[in-house]
N, C-alpha and C. Protein backbone atom coordinates (compact mmCIF):
# COMPACT_ATOMS: atom_id res chain seq x y z
N UNK A 1 94.51 104.45 109.45
CA UNK A 1 94.17 103.03 109.40
C UNK A 1 94.63 102.46 108.07
N UNK A 2 94.91 101.20 108.07
CA UNK A 2 95.40 100.52 106.87
C UNK A 2 94.26 100.41 105.86
N UNK A 3 94.56 100.75 104.61
CA UNK A 3 93.57 100.61 103.54
C UNK A 3 93.63 99.18 103.02
N UNK A 4 92.48 98.65 102.65
CA UNK A 4 92.46 97.29 102.14
C UNK A 4 91.89 97.25 100.73
N UNK A 5 92.20 96.19 100.02
CA UNK A 5 91.70 96.00 98.67
C UNK A 5 90.26 95.56 98.75
N UNK A 6 89.45 96.13 97.92
CA UNK A 6 88.04 95.78 97.90
C UNK A 6 87.66 95.09 96.59
N UNK A 7 88.60 94.84 95.70
CA UNK A 7 88.26 94.35 94.38
C UNK A 7 88.17 92.82 94.30
N UNK A 8 88.40 92.14 95.40
CA UNK A 8 88.27 90.68 95.41
C UNK A 8 89.29 89.95 94.56
N UNK A 9 90.42 90.58 94.28
CA UNK A 9 91.43 89.95 93.45
C UNK A 9 92.13 88.83 94.21
N UNK A 10 92.78 87.91 93.50
CA UNK A 10 93.41 86.76 94.15
C UNK A 10 94.53 87.17 95.09
N UNK A 11 94.93 86.20 95.93
CA UNK A 11 95.94 86.48 96.94
C UNK A 11 97.35 86.55 96.37
N UNK A 12 97.58 86.04 95.21
CA UNK A 12 98.92 86.03 94.62
C UNK A 12 99.33 87.42 94.18
N UNK A 13 100.42 87.48 93.40
CA UNK A 13 100.90 88.77 92.91
C UNK A 13 99.84 89.43 92.01
N UNK A 14 99.89 90.74 91.95
CA UNK A 14 99.00 91.47 91.06
C UNK A 14 99.31 91.05 89.62
N UNK A 15 98.29 90.88 88.79
CA UNK A 15 98.55 90.43 87.43
C UNK A 15 99.47 91.37 86.65
N UNK A 16 99.38 92.66 86.92
CA UNK A 16 100.19 93.64 86.20
C UNK A 16 101.41 94.07 87.01
N UNK A 17 101.82 93.24 87.97
CA UNK A 17 102.89 93.61 88.90
C UNK A 17 104.18 94.02 88.21
N UNK A 18 104.66 93.25 87.26
CA UNK A 18 105.93 93.56 86.60
C UNK A 18 105.90 94.94 85.96
N UNK A 19 104.80 95.27 85.30
CA UNK A 19 104.68 96.58 84.66
C UNK A 19 104.60 97.69 85.70
N UNK A 20 103.84 97.46 86.77
CA UNK A 20 103.74 98.47 87.84
C UNK A 20 105.10 98.72 88.49
N UNK A 21 105.85 97.65 88.72
CA UNK A 21 107.19 97.80 89.32
C UNK A 21 108.09 98.60 88.38
N UNK A 22 108.03 98.27 87.09
CA UNK A 22 108.86 98.99 86.11
C UNK A 22 108.52 100.48 86.10
N UNK A 23 107.22 100.79 86.10
CA UNK A 23 106.79 102.19 86.10
C UNK A 23 107.19 102.89 87.41
N UNK A 24 106.98 102.20 88.52
CA UNK A 24 107.32 102.78 89.82
C UNK A 24 108.82 103.05 89.92
N UNK A 25 109.63 102.13 89.40
CA UNK A 25 111.09 102.33 89.42
C UNK A 25 111.49 103.56 88.61
N UNK A 26 110.70 103.90 87.61
CA UNK A 26 111.02 105.08 86.80
C UNK A 26 110.44 106.35 87.41
N UNK A 27 109.86 106.24 88.63
CA UNK A 27 109.38 107.42 89.34
C UNK A 27 107.88 107.63 89.30
N UNK A 28 107.12 106.71 88.73
CA UNK A 28 105.67 106.85 88.63
C UNK A 28 105.03 106.53 89.98
N UNK A 29 104.63 107.57 90.70
CA UNK A 29 104.07 107.37 92.03
C UNK A 29 102.69 106.70 91.98
N UNK A 30 101.95 106.90 90.88
CA UNK A 30 100.65 106.23 90.75
C UNK A 30 100.82 104.71 90.65
N UNK A 31 101.85 104.27 89.95
CA UNK A 31 102.12 102.83 89.84
C UNK A 31 102.47 102.28 91.22
N UNK A 32 103.29 103.02 91.97
CA UNK A 32 103.64 102.55 93.31
C UNK A 32 102.40 102.53 94.21
N UNK A 33 101.52 103.51 94.03
CA UNK A 33 100.28 103.55 94.82
C UNK A 33 99.42 102.31 94.54
N UNK A 34 99.42 101.84 93.30
CA UNK A 34 98.66 100.62 92.97
C UNK A 34 99.30 99.40 93.62
N UNK A 35 100.63 99.36 93.66
CA UNK A 35 101.32 98.27 94.37
C UNK A 35 100.98 98.33 95.86
N UNK A 36 101.00 99.53 96.41
CA UNK A 36 100.66 99.76 97.82
C UNK A 36 99.26 99.24 98.10
N UNK A 37 98.30 99.68 97.28
CA UNK A 37 96.91 99.25 97.49
C UNK A 37 96.76 97.74 97.37
N UNK A 38 97.53 97.15 96.49
CA UNK A 38 97.43 95.72 96.27
C UNK A 38 98.01 94.87 97.38
N UNK A 39 98.97 95.43 98.12
CA UNK A 39 99.70 94.60 99.10
C UNK A 39 99.63 95.10 100.54
N UNK A 40 99.04 96.25 100.77
CA UNK A 40 99.05 96.84 102.12
C UNK A 40 98.40 95.92 103.15
N UNK A 41 97.28 95.33 102.81
CA UNK A 41 96.56 94.50 103.78
C UNK A 41 97.39 93.29 104.20
N UNK A 42 98.03 92.63 103.24
CA UNK A 42 98.82 91.44 103.57
C UNK A 42 100.04 91.79 104.41
N UNK A 43 100.70 92.89 104.09
CA UNK A 43 101.88 93.30 104.87
C UNK A 43 101.44 93.69 106.28
N UNK A 44 100.33 94.41 106.39
CA UNK A 44 99.83 94.80 107.71
C UNK A 44 99.51 93.57 108.55
N UNK A 45 98.78 92.60 107.98
CA UNK A 45 98.43 91.38 108.74
C UNK A 45 99.68 90.65 109.20
N UNK A 46 100.66 90.54 108.31
CA UNK A 46 101.91 89.87 108.65
C UNK A 46 102.57 90.55 109.85
N UNK A 47 102.65 91.87 109.81
CA UNK A 47 103.30 92.61 110.89
C UNK A 47 102.45 92.56 112.16
N UNK A 48 101.14 92.77 112.02
CA UNK A 48 100.27 92.80 113.19
C UNK A 48 100.36 91.52 113.99
N UNK A 49 100.39 90.39 113.32
CA UNK A 49 100.45 89.13 114.04
C UNK A 49 101.75 89.01 114.82
N UNK A 50 102.79 89.64 114.33
CA UNK A 50 104.08 89.53 115.00
C UNK A 50 104.26 90.55 116.12
N UNK A 51 103.55 91.69 116.08
CA UNK A 51 103.72 92.70 117.13
C UNK A 51 102.49 92.83 118.02
N UNK A 52 101.32 92.39 117.57
CA UNK A 52 100.08 92.35 118.35
C UNK A 52 99.64 93.71 118.88
N UNK A 53 99.93 94.76 118.15
CA UNK A 53 99.52 96.09 118.55
C UNK A 53 99.19 96.86 117.28
N UNK A 54 97.95 97.33 117.17
CA UNK A 54 97.51 97.99 115.93
C UNK A 54 98.37 99.19 115.56
N UNK A 55 98.62 100.06 116.53
CA UNK A 55 99.37 101.28 116.24
C UNK A 55 100.79 100.95 115.78
N UNK A 56 101.44 100.03 116.46
CA UNK A 56 102.80 99.64 116.06
C UNK A 56 102.77 98.98 114.69
N UNK A 57 101.79 98.13 114.45
CA UNK A 57 101.68 97.46 113.15
C UNK A 57 101.47 98.49 112.04
N UNK A 58 100.65 99.48 112.28
CA UNK A 58 100.43 100.53 111.28
C UNK A 58 101.70 101.32 111.03
N UNK A 59 102.41 101.67 112.10
CA UNK A 59 103.67 102.41 111.95
C UNK A 59 104.69 101.60 111.16
N UNK A 60 104.84 100.33 111.51
CA UNK A 60 105.82 99.49 110.83
C UNK A 60 105.42 99.26 109.37
N UNK A 61 104.13 99.11 109.12
CA UNK A 61 103.67 98.94 107.74
C UNK A 61 104.00 100.17 106.91
N UNK A 62 103.79 101.34 107.49
CA UNK A 62 104.15 102.58 106.80
C UNK A 62 105.65 102.61 106.51
N UNK A 63 106.45 102.20 107.49
CA UNK A 63 107.90 102.18 107.29
C UNK A 63 108.29 101.23 106.16
N UNK A 64 107.62 100.08 106.09
CA UNK A 64 107.93 99.11 105.04
C UNK A 64 107.73 99.73 103.66
N UNK A 65 106.59 100.38 103.48
CA UNK A 65 106.33 100.95 102.15
C UNK A 65 107.20 102.18 101.88
N UNK A 66 107.54 102.92 102.92
CA UNK A 66 108.46 104.04 102.72
C UNK A 66 109.83 103.51 102.28
N UNK A 67 110.31 102.47 102.97
CA UNK A 67 111.61 101.88 102.60
C UNK A 67 111.56 101.28 101.20
N UNK A 68 110.44 100.65 100.87
CA UNK A 68 110.31 100.07 99.53
C UNK A 68 110.39 101.17 98.47
N UNK A 69 109.70 102.29 98.70
CA UNK A 69 109.74 103.41 97.75
C UNK A 69 111.15 103.99 97.67
N UNK A 70 111.76 104.15 98.82
CA UNK A 70 113.10 104.74 98.90
C UNK A 70 114.15 103.86 98.19
N UNK A 71 114.03 102.55 98.32
CA UNK A 71 115.03 101.63 97.77
C UNK A 71 114.59 100.99 96.46
N UNK A 72 113.47 101.43 95.92
CA UNK A 72 112.95 100.84 94.69
C UNK A 72 113.94 100.88 93.53
N UNK A 73 114.72 101.94 93.36
CA UNK A 73 115.68 101.93 92.24
C UNK A 73 116.69 100.76 92.32
N UNK A 74 116.94 100.27 93.52
CA UNK A 74 117.90 99.16 93.69
C UNK A 74 117.23 97.79 93.62
N UNK A 75 115.88 97.75 93.56
CA UNK A 75 115.15 96.49 93.50
C UNK A 75 115.42 95.81 92.16
N UNK A 76 115.78 94.54 92.23
CA UNK A 76 116.02 93.75 91.02
C UNK A 76 115.14 92.51 91.09
N UNK A 77 114.18 92.40 90.15
CA UNK A 77 113.33 91.20 90.14
C UNK A 77 114.19 89.95 90.00
N UNK A 78 113.95 88.97 90.85
CA UNK A 78 114.77 87.75 90.84
C UNK A 78 113.92 86.51 90.60
N UNK A 79 112.78 86.69 90.00
CA UNK A 79 111.89 85.55 89.78
C UNK A 79 110.84 85.44 90.87
N UNK A 80 111.12 86.02 92.03
CA UNK A 80 110.14 86.04 93.12
C UNK A 80 109.26 87.27 92.94
N UNK A 81 108.02 87.22 93.39
CA UNK A 81 107.14 88.38 93.24
C UNK A 81 107.63 89.56 94.09
N UNK A 82 107.19 90.74 93.71
CA UNK A 82 107.50 91.98 94.44
C UNK A 82 107.07 91.84 95.90
N UNK A 83 105.96 91.14 96.12
CA UNK A 83 105.45 90.92 97.47
C UNK A 83 106.49 90.22 98.36
N UNK A 84 107.26 89.32 97.79
CA UNK A 84 108.30 88.64 98.57
C UNK A 84 109.33 89.64 99.07
N UNK A 85 109.66 90.62 98.24
CA UNK A 85 110.60 91.67 98.66
C UNK A 85 109.99 92.49 99.79
N UNK A 86 108.69 92.80 99.68
CA UNK A 86 108.01 93.55 100.74
C UNK A 86 107.99 92.75 102.05
N UNK A 87 107.76 91.43 101.97
CA UNK A 87 107.79 90.60 103.18
C UNK A 87 109.18 90.60 103.82
N UNK A 88 110.21 90.62 103.01
CA UNK A 88 111.57 90.67 103.55
C UNK A 88 111.79 91.98 104.30
N UNK A 89 111.34 93.08 103.71
CA UNK A 89 111.46 94.39 104.38
C UNK A 89 110.65 94.37 105.66
N UNK A 90 109.43 93.79 105.61
CA UNK A 90 108.57 93.74 106.80
C UNK A 90 109.21 92.89 107.90
N UNK A 91 109.76 91.77 107.52
CA UNK A 91 110.42 90.90 108.51
C UNK A 91 111.57 91.64 109.19
N UNK A 92 112.36 92.36 108.41
CA UNK A 92 113.47 93.13 108.99
C UNK A 92 112.96 94.27 109.87
N UNK A 93 111.85 94.89 109.49
CA UNK A 93 111.28 95.97 110.30
C UNK A 93 110.81 95.44 111.66
N UNK A 94 110.22 94.25 111.66
CA UNK A 94 109.77 93.65 112.92
C UNK A 94 110.98 93.31 113.80
N UNK A 95 112.01 92.75 113.19
CA UNK A 95 113.23 92.42 113.94
C UNK A 95 113.83 93.68 114.54
N UNK A 96 113.94 94.74 113.74
CA UNK A 96 114.48 96.01 114.23
C UNK A 96 113.61 96.58 115.35
N UNK A 97 112.30 96.44 115.20
CA UNK A 97 111.38 96.93 116.24
C UNK A 97 111.67 96.26 117.58
N UNK A 98 111.82 94.93 117.57
CA UNK A 98 112.07 94.23 118.82
C UNK A 98 113.46 94.49 119.37
N UNK A 99 114.41 94.77 118.51
CA UNK A 99 115.76 95.09 118.98
C UNK A 99 115.80 96.42 119.71
N UNK A 100 115.00 97.37 119.27
CA UNK A 100 115.10 98.73 119.78
C UNK A 100 113.97 99.15 120.71
N UNK A 101 112.97 98.32 120.88
CA UNK A 101 111.81 98.77 121.65
C UNK A 101 112.09 98.80 123.15
N UNK A 102 111.39 99.69 123.79
CA UNK A 102 111.41 99.78 125.25
C UNK A 102 109.99 99.45 125.71
N UNK A 103 109.90 98.68 126.78
CA UNK A 103 108.59 98.29 127.27
C UNK A 103 107.83 99.51 127.77
N UNK A 104 106.65 99.72 127.22
CA UNK A 104 105.76 100.80 127.66
C UNK A 104 104.35 100.26 127.73
N UNK A 105 103.52 100.97 128.42
CA UNK A 105 102.11 100.61 128.51
C UNK A 105 101.32 101.80 127.99
N UNK A 106 100.40 101.53 127.09
CA UNK A 106 99.56 102.59 126.56
C UNK A 106 98.65 103.12 127.65
N UNK A 107 98.38 104.41 127.61
CA UNK A 107 97.54 105.05 128.61
C UNK A 107 96.18 104.36 128.70
N UNK A 108 95.63 103.96 127.56
CA UNK A 108 94.33 103.30 127.55
C UNK A 108 94.36 101.99 128.34
N UNK A 109 95.49 101.29 128.32
CA UNK A 109 95.61 100.04 129.06
C UNK A 109 95.85 100.29 130.54
N UNK A 110 96.54 101.37 130.85
CA UNK A 110 96.83 101.69 132.25
C UNK A 110 95.59 102.17 132.97
N UNK A 111 94.74 102.94 132.28
CA UNK A 111 93.52 103.46 132.88
C UNK A 111 92.36 103.06 131.96
N UNK A 112 91.79 101.89 132.20
CA UNK A 112 90.71 101.45 131.31
C UNK A 112 89.52 102.41 131.37
N UNK A 113 88.96 102.69 130.21
CA UNK A 113 87.79 103.56 130.13
C UNK A 113 86.56 102.71 129.82
N UNK A 114 85.42 103.10 130.37
CA UNK A 114 84.18 102.39 130.10
C UNK A 114 83.76 102.65 128.66
N UNK A 115 83.30 101.61 127.99
CA UNK A 115 82.77 101.78 126.64
C UNK A 115 81.72 100.72 126.38
N UNK A 116 81.13 100.82 125.25
CA UNK A 116 80.08 99.86 124.89
C UNK A 116 80.64 98.74 124.03
N UNK A 117 81.93 98.49 124.10
CA UNK A 117 82.61 97.51 123.27
C UNK A 117 82.34 96.09 123.73
N UNK A 118 83.16 95.19 123.28
CA UNK A 118 83.00 93.77 123.61
C UNK A 118 83.09 93.53 125.12
N UNK A 119 82.52 92.44 125.52
CA UNK A 119 82.52 92.02 126.91
C UNK A 119 83.97 91.88 127.40
N UNK A 120 84.33 92.48 128.54
CA UNK A 120 85.70 92.39 129.04
C UNK A 120 86.18 90.95 129.24
N UNK A 121 85.27 90.07 129.65
CA UNK A 121 85.65 88.67 129.83
C UNK A 121 86.07 88.03 128.51
N UNK A 122 85.32 88.34 127.45
CA UNK A 122 85.67 87.83 126.12
C UNK A 122 87.00 88.41 125.65
N UNK A 123 87.23 89.67 125.93
CA UNK A 123 88.49 90.31 125.55
C UNK A 123 89.66 89.66 126.26
N UNK A 124 89.51 89.39 127.54
CA UNK A 124 90.58 88.76 128.32
C UNK A 124 90.85 87.36 127.78
N UNK A 125 89.80 86.60 127.51
CA UNK A 125 89.96 85.25 126.99
C UNK A 125 90.67 85.29 125.63
N UNK A 126 90.24 86.20 124.75
CA UNK A 126 90.88 86.34 123.43
C UNK A 126 92.34 86.72 123.59
N UNK A 127 92.63 87.64 124.52
CA UNK A 127 94.01 88.07 124.75
C UNK A 127 94.88 86.89 125.19
N UNK A 128 94.38 86.08 126.12
CA UNK A 128 95.16 84.94 126.61
C UNK A 128 95.35 83.89 125.51
N UNK A 129 94.30 83.65 124.72
CA UNK A 129 94.44 82.70 123.63
C UNK A 129 95.44 83.18 122.59
N UNK A 130 95.37 84.48 122.26
CA UNK A 130 96.32 85.05 121.29
C UNK A 130 97.74 84.98 121.84
N UNK A 131 97.88 85.29 123.11
CA UNK A 131 99.21 85.27 123.72
C UNK A 131 99.76 83.84 123.76
N UNK A 132 98.89 82.89 124.08
CA UNK A 132 99.33 81.48 124.11
C UNK A 132 99.77 81.04 122.71
N UNK A 133 99.05 81.47 121.69
CA UNK A 133 99.42 81.13 120.32
C UNK A 133 100.77 81.75 119.95
N UNK A 134 100.97 83.01 120.33
CA UNK A 134 102.25 83.67 120.04
C UNK A 134 103.41 82.96 120.74
N UNK A 135 103.22 82.61 122.01
CA UNK A 135 104.27 81.92 122.76
C UNK A 135 104.56 80.57 122.11
N UNK A 136 103.50 79.85 121.74
CA UNK A 136 103.69 78.56 121.11
C UNK A 136 104.40 78.71 119.77
N UNK A 137 104.05 79.73 118.99
CA UNK A 137 104.72 79.97 117.71
C UNK A 137 106.21 80.24 117.92
N UNK A 138 106.52 81.03 118.93
CA UNK A 138 107.92 81.37 119.19
C UNK A 138 108.73 80.18 119.68
N UNK A 139 108.04 79.09 120.10
CA UNK A 139 108.77 77.90 120.55
C UNK A 139 109.19 77.03 119.35
N UNK A 140 108.64 77.32 118.18
CA UNK A 140 108.99 76.57 116.97
C UNK A 140 110.34 77.02 116.44
N UNK A 141 110.87 76.26 115.50
CA UNK A 141 112.10 76.72 114.85
C UNK A 141 111.76 77.95 114.03
N UNK A 142 112.77 78.72 113.69
CA UNK A 142 112.56 79.94 112.91
C UNK A 142 111.87 79.64 111.59
N UNK A 143 112.32 78.58 110.89
CA UNK A 143 111.71 78.22 109.60
C UNK A 143 110.26 77.80 109.78
N UNK A 144 109.98 77.01 110.82
CA UNK A 144 108.61 76.56 111.05
C UNK A 144 107.69 77.75 111.34
N UNK A 145 108.16 78.65 112.20
CA UNK A 145 107.36 79.83 112.54
C UNK A 145 107.09 80.67 111.30
N UNK A 146 108.12 80.89 110.51
CA UNK A 146 107.97 81.72 109.32
C UNK A 146 107.01 81.09 108.32
N UNK A 147 107.07 79.78 108.13
CA UNK A 147 106.16 79.11 107.21
C UNK A 147 104.72 79.28 107.67
N UNK A 148 104.44 79.08 108.97
CA UNK A 148 103.07 79.22 109.46
C UNK A 148 102.56 80.65 109.34
N UNK A 149 103.41 81.61 109.67
CA UNK A 149 102.99 83.01 109.57
C UNK A 149 102.72 83.38 108.12
N UNK A 150 103.60 82.99 107.21
CA UNK A 150 103.39 83.31 105.80
C UNK A 150 102.15 82.60 105.25
N UNK A 151 101.90 81.38 105.69
CA UNK A 151 100.77 80.61 105.17
C UNK A 151 99.44 81.10 105.74
N UNK A 152 99.35 81.20 107.06
CA UNK A 152 98.06 81.43 107.69
C UNK A 152 97.79 82.88 108.05
N UNK A 153 98.82 83.68 108.19
CA UNK A 153 98.61 85.09 108.50
C UNK A 153 98.72 85.93 107.23
N UNK A 154 99.77 85.69 106.47
CA UNK A 154 99.96 86.47 105.25
C UNK A 154 99.15 85.91 104.08
N UNK A 155 98.67 84.67 104.21
CA UNK A 155 97.81 84.09 103.18
C UNK A 155 98.55 83.68 101.91
N UNK A 156 99.84 83.41 102.03
CA UNK A 156 100.61 83.01 100.85
C UNK A 156 100.38 81.53 100.53
N UNK A 157 100.54 81.19 99.26
CA UNK A 157 100.43 79.80 98.84
C UNK A 157 101.75 79.09 99.14
N UNK A 158 101.72 77.77 99.08
CA UNK A 158 102.94 76.99 99.30
C UNK A 158 104.01 77.38 98.29
N UNK A 159 103.61 77.58 97.05
CA UNK A 159 104.58 77.96 96.00
C UNK A 159 105.20 79.32 96.28
N UNK A 160 104.38 80.27 96.74
CA UNK A 160 104.91 81.61 97.07
C UNK A 160 105.89 81.53 98.24
N UNK A 161 105.54 80.73 99.24
CA UNK A 161 106.43 80.56 100.40
C UNK A 161 107.72 79.90 99.94
N UNK A 162 107.60 78.93 99.06
CA UNK A 162 108.77 78.24 98.53
C UNK A 162 109.73 79.23 97.88
N UNK A 163 109.20 80.11 97.04
CA UNK A 163 110.05 81.13 96.40
C UNK A 163 110.61 82.10 97.43
N UNK A 164 109.79 82.50 98.38
CA UNK A 164 110.22 83.47 99.40
C UNK A 164 111.38 82.93 100.22
N UNK A 165 111.28 81.66 100.61
CA UNK A 165 112.30 81.08 101.49
C UNK A 165 113.40 80.34 100.73
N UNK A 166 113.24 80.20 99.42
CA UNK A 166 114.26 79.51 98.63
C UNK A 166 114.34 78.02 98.92
N UNK A 167 113.17 77.41 99.19
CA UNK A 167 113.12 75.98 99.47
C UNK A 167 112.11 75.33 98.51
N UNK A 168 112.23 74.04 98.30
CA UNK A 168 111.29 73.32 97.46
C UNK A 168 109.90 73.29 98.11
N UNK A 169 108.86 73.20 97.28
CA UNK A 169 107.49 73.18 97.79
C UNK A 169 107.26 71.99 98.73
N UNK A 170 107.86 70.84 98.42
CA UNK A 170 107.73 69.67 99.29
C UNK A 170 108.34 69.92 100.67
N UNK A 171 109.45 70.63 100.70
CA UNK A 171 110.08 70.97 101.98
C UNK A 171 109.20 71.92 102.77
N UNK A 172 108.54 72.83 102.08
CA UNK A 172 107.64 73.78 102.76
C UNK A 172 106.45 73.02 103.36
N UNK A 173 105.88 72.09 102.60
CA UNK A 173 104.75 71.30 103.12
C UNK A 173 105.17 70.48 104.34
N UNK A 174 106.37 69.91 104.28
CA UNK A 174 106.86 69.13 105.41
C UNK A 174 107.09 70.03 106.63
N UNK A 175 107.69 71.20 106.40
CA UNK A 175 107.89 72.15 107.50
C UNK A 175 106.55 72.55 108.11
N UNK A 176 105.57 72.81 107.25
CA UNK A 176 104.25 73.22 107.73
C UNK A 176 103.62 72.11 108.57
N UNK A 177 103.70 70.87 108.10
CA UNK A 177 103.12 69.75 108.84
C UNK A 177 103.79 69.59 110.21
N UNK A 178 105.13 69.60 110.22
CA UNK A 178 105.84 69.46 111.51
C UNK A 178 105.55 70.65 112.43
N UNK A 179 105.44 71.85 111.85
CA UNK A 179 105.16 73.04 112.66
C UNK A 179 103.77 72.96 113.28
N UNK A 180 102.79 72.52 112.50
CA UNK A 180 101.43 72.41 113.04
C UNK A 180 101.35 71.34 114.13
N UNK A 181 102.06 70.24 113.93
CA UNK A 181 102.08 69.20 114.96
C UNK A 181 102.74 69.72 116.24
N UNK A 182 103.87 70.40 116.10
CA UNK A 182 104.57 70.94 117.27
C UNK A 182 103.72 72.01 117.95
N UNK A 183 103.05 72.83 117.15
CA UNK A 183 102.19 73.88 117.70
C UNK A 183 101.04 73.28 118.48
N UNK A 184 100.43 72.23 117.94
CA UNK A 184 99.32 71.56 118.63
C UNK A 184 99.79 70.97 119.97
N UNK A 185 100.97 70.35 119.96
CA UNK A 185 101.52 69.79 121.22
C UNK A 185 101.76 70.89 122.24
N UNK A 186 102.35 71.99 121.79
CA UNK A 186 102.67 73.10 122.70
C UNK A 186 101.39 73.71 123.28
N UNK A 187 100.39 73.91 122.45
CA UNK A 187 99.12 74.48 122.93
C UNK A 187 98.42 73.53 123.89
N UNK A 188 98.52 72.22 123.64
CA UNK A 188 97.94 71.24 124.54
C UNK A 188 98.65 71.28 125.90
N UNK A 189 99.97 71.40 125.87
CA UNK A 189 100.74 71.52 127.13
C UNK A 189 100.32 72.75 127.91
N UNK A 190 100.15 73.86 127.21
CA UNK A 190 99.74 75.11 127.85
C UNK A 190 98.35 74.96 128.47
N UNK A 191 97.46 74.27 127.75
CA UNK A 191 96.09 74.07 128.23
C UNK A 191 96.10 73.26 129.52
N UNK A 192 96.97 72.24 129.58
CA UNK A 192 97.07 71.39 130.76
C UNK A 192 97.58 72.16 131.96
N UNK A 193 98.48 73.13 131.72
CA UNK A 193 99.03 73.94 132.81
C UNK A 193 97.96 74.82 133.42
N UNK A 194 97.07 75.34 132.56
CA UNK A 194 95.99 76.21 133.05
C UNK A 194 94.93 75.36 133.70
């Protein structure tokens, strides 16, 4: 399972990020472990929202950090936080996942087992709402979808998104506003169909 930060630190880059990256690049695995602990939850959430499967999200998150460790000597700080580099790796991992995946059904889904978990009706409703949101998100432009995912799923600030995407903060706010309006229209259309 994905480990999460319990220290209540802010959502932005780790305060000691530059030093941790420098140490990790020189082979200090403890420094990389601190970067991992600081960013694992955000990378996992970003991936999970895009693949909607815990096991796949965990696997892809592991791959992201493995690739980051493997390619760390080639990492060059460019003014953007280390987290932005991790999001780029995560985005590419999700794209690669969809390019190469084969449709399968988990055994648990094929043969439902009785348990004391949530009400099946609530689960079905949540599944349909989540699916409708994913479909609506995919109907947006690539930039609009990415801004919403980075803002509301990854929890990035407008300034962080601006640096990540190489756009001005005002452009990011405008993209976010248009994306939310388009998303609301799409969800309303879906609601009317049902």
